[in-house]
Amino acid sequence: MKPSFTRWFIVSVGIIVAGAACVPEPKSVPCSNQGDCEGKNVAFQYCLERRCVECVSDASCGMGNTCVAGLCKRSCKDGRDCLDGYACANDRCTPL
C-alpha cells in the first residue's frame, strides 16, 4: 500500500518541530573567542567565560529586555508577548 500524502506531511511536520526544539543551551557550546560562536548558532553569538551566550549586556537583547547570565529575558505585558512554552510573570517571559 502506498503511503498517503497526509501521512508524509504529518511525519515531516513532526520531524521539523522536534528539530526546532533542540536549540542548545548557551552554556553547552564551548568557545575561546567570539568567532567560535558566530557560525554555530545565530542566537548564541557571543563568547563569555568560554561559553557561547545570547548576550553580554542589556543592549545585546534589544529595547526593554535584560541580559541575565548570558540569556536575554524578554519583557512582556501578557502571554501573547512570549514564545511558546513561556508565560508572562512580573513583566518577564519565563519558562512554564
Protein backbone atom coordinates (compact mmCIF):
# COMPACT_ATOMS: atom_id res chain seq x y z
CA MET A 1 0.00 0.00 0.00
CA LYS A 2 1.30 3.44 -0.94
CA PRO A 3 1.69 5.94 1.97
CA SER A 4 -0.65 8.88 1.70
CA PHE A 5 0.41 12.49 1.32
CA THR A 6 -1.25 13.32 4.65
CA ARG A 7 0.81 10.72 6.48
CA TRP A 8 4.06 12.03 4.99
CA PHE A 9 3.06 15.60 5.75
CA ILE A 10 2.34 14.79 9.41
CA VAL A 11 5.62 12.91 9.79
CA SER A 12 7.55 15.77 8.15
CA VAL A 13 5.97 18.38 10.42
CA GLY A 14 6.76 16.21 13.45
CA ILE A 15 10.41 15.98 12.47
CA ILE A 16 10.66 19.73 11.90
CA VAL A 17 9.05 20.51 15.27
CA ALA A 18 11.32 18.04 17.06
CA GLY A 19 14.38 19.58 15.41
CA ALA A 20 13.34 23.10 16.35
CA ALA A 21 13.03 22.07 19.99
CA CYS A 22 16.70 21.07 20.03
CA VAL A 23 18.15 24.56 20.46
CA PRO A 24 21.35 24.20 22.50
CA GLU A 25 21.63 25.94 25.82
CA PRO A 26 24.23 28.71 25.63
CA LYS A 27 26.45 27.12 28.24
CA SER A 28 26.72 23.86 26.29
CA VAL A 29 28.83 25.26 23.43
CA PRO A 30 32.47 25.94 24.37
CA CYS A 31 34.43 28.82 22.80
CA SER A 32 37.73 30.66 23.06
CA ASN A 33 36.61 33.78 21.14
CA GLN A 34 33.53 35.31 19.53
CA GLY A 35 34.41 33.79 16.16
CA ASP A 36 33.88 30.31 17.62
CA CYS A 37 30.24 31.17 18.37
CA GLU A 38 29.17 33.16 15.32
CA GLY A 39 28.94 30.19 12.97
CA LYS A 40 27.48 27.65 15.41
CA ASN A 41 24.16 29.19 16.39
CA VAL A 42 22.78 32.57 15.39
CA ALA A 43 21.15 33.06 18.80
CA PHE A 44 24.37 32.48 20.78
CA GLN A 45 26.91 34.73 19.04
CA TYR A 46 28.96 36.00 21.99
CA CYS A 47 31.75 34.21 23.88
CA LEU A 48 31.59 34.78 27.64
CA GLU A 49 33.55 32.76 30.19
CA ARG A 50 34.44 30.20 27.48
CA ARG A 51 30.79 29.54 26.55
CA CYS A 52 28.67 30.82 23.67
CA VAL A 53 25.89 33.02 25.05
CA GLU A 54 22.97 35.01 23.70
CA CYS A 55 24.02 38.33 25.24
CA VAL A 56 26.73 40.11 27.19
CA SER A 57 24.73 43.21 28.14
CA ASP A 58 21.15 44.51 28.09
CA ALA A 59 21.95 46.30 24.80
CA SER A 60 22.52 42.88 23.17
CA CYS A 61 18.90 41.93 23.92
CA GLY A 62 17.04 44.89 22.46
CA MET A 63 14.90 47.65 23.93
CA GLY A 64 13.16 46.76 27.19
CA ASN A 65 14.85 43.36 27.61
CA THR A 66 17.60 42.40 30.04
CA CYS A 67 20.62 40.12 29.87
CA VAL A 68 20.84 37.67 32.78
CA ALA A 69 23.63 35.05 32.90
CA GLY A 70 24.10 35.21 29.13
CA LEU A 71 20.39 34.83 28.30
CA CYS A 72 18.01 37.57 27.17
CA LYS A 73 14.99 37.92 29.42
CA ARG A 74 12.18 39.33 27.33
CA SER A 75 9.78 41.89 28.69
CA CYS A 76 6.04 41.30 28.26
CA LYS A 77 2.61 42.65 29.10
CA ASP A 78 0.81 39.29 28.78
CA GLY A 79 1.40 35.75 27.49
CA ARG A 80 0.94 36.77 23.85
CA ASP A 81 4.26 38.63 24.02
CA CYS A 82 6.15 35.41 24.89
CA LEU A 83 7.29 32.43 22.85
CA ASP A 84 5.54 29.05 23.10
CA GLY A 85 6.43 27.34 26.37
CA TYR A 86 6.78 30.66 28.21
CA ALA A 87 4.40 32.73 30.31
CA CYS A 88 4.43 36.38 31.32
CA ALA A 89 5.21 36.83 35.03
CA ASN A 90 6.33 40.11 36.61
CA ASP A 91 6.73 41.70 33.14
CA ARG A 92 9.20 38.97 32.03
CA CYS A 93 8.75 35.87 29.84
CA THR A 94 9.60 32.86 31.97
CA PRO A 95 9.59 29.13 31.13
CA LEU A 96 6.41 27.28 32.08
